[in-house]
Protein backbone atom coordinates (compact mmCIF):
# COMPACT_ATOMS: atom_id res chain seq x y z
CA MET A 1 106.21 85.33 99.56
CA ASN A 2 109.00 83.62 97.73
CA VAL A 3 108.49 83.37 93.98
CA PRO A 4 111.07 81.18 92.22
CA ASN A 5 113.25 83.22 89.87
CA GLN A 6 111.49 86.42 90.92
CA GLU A 7 114.36 88.67 89.86
CA ASN A 8 114.53 86.97 86.46
CA LEU A 9 110.77 87.32 86.04
CA ILE A 10 110.97 91.02 86.90
CA GLN A 11 113.78 91.55 84.37
CA GLN A 12 111.81 89.69 81.71
CA ALA A 13 108.66 91.67 82.52
CA ARG A 14 110.66 94.90 82.25
CA SER A 15 111.66 93.77 78.77
CA GLY A 16 108.01 93.41 77.80
CA ASP A 17 107.51 89.70 78.49
CA ALA A 18 103.79 89.47 79.24
CA VAL A 19 104.02 85.85 80.44
CA ALA A 20 106.64 86.80 83.05
CA PHE A 21 104.47 89.66 84.32
CA GLU A 22 101.41 87.38 84.37
CA THR A 23 103.37 84.92 86.52
CA LEU A 24 104.15 87.72 88.99
CA VAL A 25 100.51 88.84 89.01
CA ASN A 26 99.28 85.30 89.64
CA ALA A 27 101.72 84.90 92.52
CA TYR A 28 100.97 88.20 94.26
CA TYR A 29 97.33 88.86 93.36
CA PRO A 30 95.85 86.97 96.36
CA LEU A 31 98.15 88.79 98.81
CA ILE A 32 97.36 92.24 97.46
CA LEU A 33 93.63 91.45 97.23
CA ASN A 34 93.57 90.30 100.85
CA PHE A 35 95.54 93.33 102.03
CA SER A 36 93.25 95.71 100.11
CA TYR A 37 90.15 93.98 101.45
CA ARG A 38 91.38 94.33 105.03
CA LEU A 39 92.00 98.06 104.52
CA LEU A 40 88.78 98.79 102.65
CA GLY A 41 86.34 96.26 104.13
CA ASN A 42 84.61 95.79 100.77
CA ARG A 43 85.37 92.91 98.40
CA ALA A 44 84.36 94.72 95.20
CA ASP A 45 86.46 97.77 96.06
CA ALA A 46 89.39 95.52 96.98
CA GLU A 47 89.17 93.73 93.62
CA ASP A 48 89.09 97.06 91.76
CA VAL A 49 92.05 98.37 93.75
CA THR A 50 94.02 95.17 93.22
CA GLN A 51 93.54 95.42 89.47
CA ASP A 52 94.63 99.06 89.60
CA VAL A 53 97.71 98.06 91.60
CA PHE A 54 98.88 95.67 88.92
CA VAL A 55 98.16 98.16 86.13
CA LYS A 56 100.26 100.73 88.01
CA ALA A 57 102.95 98.12 88.68
CA ALA A 58 103.14 97.26 84.99
CA LYS A 59 103.55 100.92 84.08
CA LYS A 60 106.11 101.62 86.82
CA LEU A 61 108.07 98.37 86.74
CA SER A 62 111.04 100.10 85.13
CA SER A 63 111.30 102.39 88.18
CA LEU A 64 111.76 99.45 90.56
CA ARG A 65 115.44 99.73 91.50
CA LYS A 66 115.75 96.62 93.66
CA PRO A 67 113.83 93.59 92.41
CA GLY A 68 114.28 92.01 95.85
CA VAL A 69 111.79 94.48 97.34
CA PHE A 70 109.06 93.75 94.77
CA ASN A 71 106.73 92.49 97.52
CA ALA A 72 107.08 95.66 99.62
CA TRP A 73 106.80 97.78 96.47
CA LEU A 74 103.46 96.15 95.57
CA TYR A 75 102.14 96.58 99.12
CA SER A 76 103.16 100.23 98.96
CA ILE A 77 101.27 100.76 95.70
CA ALA A 78 98.25 98.97 97.19
CA ARG A 79 98.35 101.09 100.32
CA SER A 80 98.51 104.27 98.28
CA THR A 81 95.70 103.16 95.97
CA CYS A 82 93.49 102.22 98.94
CA THR A 83 94.21 105.56 100.59
CA ASP A 84 93.28 107.37 97.39
CA LEU A 85 89.96 105.50 97.22
CA ILE A 86 89.22 106.23 100.89
CA ARG A 87 89.93 109.93 100.33
CA LYS A 88 87.74 109.97 97.24
CA ARG A 89 84.88 108.32 99.14
CA SER A 90 85.36 110.74 102.01
CA ARG A 91 85.06 113.70 99.65
CA GLN A 92 81.95 112.17 98.11
CA LYS A 93 80.44 111.71 101.55
CA ILE A 94 81.18 115.32 102.48
CA ASN A 95 79.56 116.45 99.24
CA GLU A 96 76.49 114.34 99.96
CA GLN A 97 76.18 115.87 103.42
CA HIS A 98 76.71 119.35 102.03
CA TYR A 99 73.89 118.99 99.54
CA GLY A 100 71.56 117.33 102.04
CA GLU A 101 71.54 113.95 100.36
CA SER A 102 71.17 110.93 102.56
CA CYS A 103 74.42 109.41 103.76
CA ALA A 104 75.17 105.87 104.76
CA ALA A 105 74.12 105.03 108.30
CA GLU A 106 76.80 105.11 110.98
CA PHE A 107 78.66 101.79 111.22
CA ALA A 108 76.90 99.83 113.95
CA LEU A 109 78.22 96.50 115.12
CA PRO A 110 75.96 93.62 116.09
CA LYS A 111 76.41 91.96 119.49
CA ASP A 112 78.53 89.20 117.94
CA ARG A 113 81.17 91.61 116.67
CA SER A 114 84.59 90.38 115.74
CA VAL A 115 87.89 92.06 116.39
CA TRP A 116 88.36 92.60 112.64
CA GLU A 117 85.11 94.56 112.49
CA LEU A 118 86.48 96.77 115.26
CA VAL A 119 89.78 97.13 113.40
CA GLY A 120 87.74 98.68 110.60
CA ARG A 121 86.86 101.53 112.95
CA LEU A 122 90.49 102.43 113.68
CA PRO A 123 92.17 105.43 112.06
CA GLN A 124 93.71 104.49 108.71
CA THR A 125 97.35 104.59 109.85
CA LEU A 126 96.64 102.28 112.79
CA LYS A 127 94.50 99.96 110.66
CA GLU A 128 97.29 99.62 108.06
CA ALA A 129 99.83 98.65 110.72
CA VAL A 130 97.47 96.11 112.35
CA VAL A 131 96.51 94.53 109.04
CA LEU A 132 100.13 94.16 107.98
CA VAL A 133 101.43 92.83 111.29
CA TYR A 134 98.57 90.65 112.51
CA TRP A 135 96.70 89.65 109.36
CA GLU A 136 99.48 89.55 106.78
CA GLY A 137 102.08 88.32 109.29
CA VAL A 138 104.65 90.93 108.27
CA ASN A 139 107.33 91.83 110.83
CA HIS A 140 107.66 95.44 112.00
CA ALA A 141 110.72 96.11 109.84
CA HIS A 142 108.97 94.94 106.66
CA ALA A 143 105.81 96.85 107.63
CA ALA A 144 107.93 99.97 108.08
CA ALA A 145 109.28 99.58 104.53
CA ILE A 146 105.76 99.16 103.16
CA LEU A 147 104.34 102.08 105.15
CA ASP A 148 107.41 104.25 104.48
CA CYS A 149 108.01 105.05 108.13
CA ALA A 150 110.36 104.07 110.96
CA GLU A 151 110.09 100.65 112.55
CA SER A 152 109.45 102.35 115.89
CA THR A 153 106.48 104.12 114.30
CA VAL A 154 105.00 100.77 113.29
CA SER A 155 105.52 99.51 116.85
CA TRP A 156 103.78 102.58 118.27
CA ARG A 157 100.88 102.27 115.82
CA VAL A 158 100.37 98.61 116.73
CA HIS A 159 100.52 99.50 120.43
CA GLU A 160 98.07 102.38 119.99
CA ALA A 161 95.73 100.21 117.92
CA ARG A 162 95.72 97.53 120.62
CA LYS A 163 94.95 100.18 123.24
CA GLN A 164 92.07 101.59 121.19
CA LEU A 165 90.72 98.11 120.41
CA LYS A 166 90.79 97.24 124.11
CA GLY A 167 88.74 100.37 124.82
CA MET A 168 86.25 99.45 122.10
CA LEU A 169 85.90 95.93 123.47
CA GLU A 170 85.31 97.26 126.98
CA GLU A 171 82.53 99.50 125.64
CA CYS A 172 80.87 96.46 124.10
CA ILE A 173 80.70 94.53 127.36
């Protein structure tokens, strides 16, 4: 995304200009919400995470060294916040199982499943790469910056995700 005068807005926001930060939030909120939704699969959780992302961004804006990577920086915060929520939910689920409480039923897909529903069943690292590359339209180099890994790792994750998705689709037929 190209926000006019992004670097100036970031500098103004660093100086405490609430209007400049609001302009950045308005520009990037839909992207971060969509990314979070694709990772979490739940609109309410994605909205909560997106709000948390911008609260964290406001607090950490002074640590952003290169304003030109603001987009990747936000995606990185979103990824981390989503991962934290997934871990928290996983711990809650383990606790529910431990104490014999009923857990959510296993994710079952109807016959008219979509590929994105199957993506939701991939391991988190593969899902993140697929969402960034195919849904967000990010190239492998940019995805690598967001995921804090090598570009070749992103390529492998996308390849592995495609292989696993193909296997899932074959099971459905």
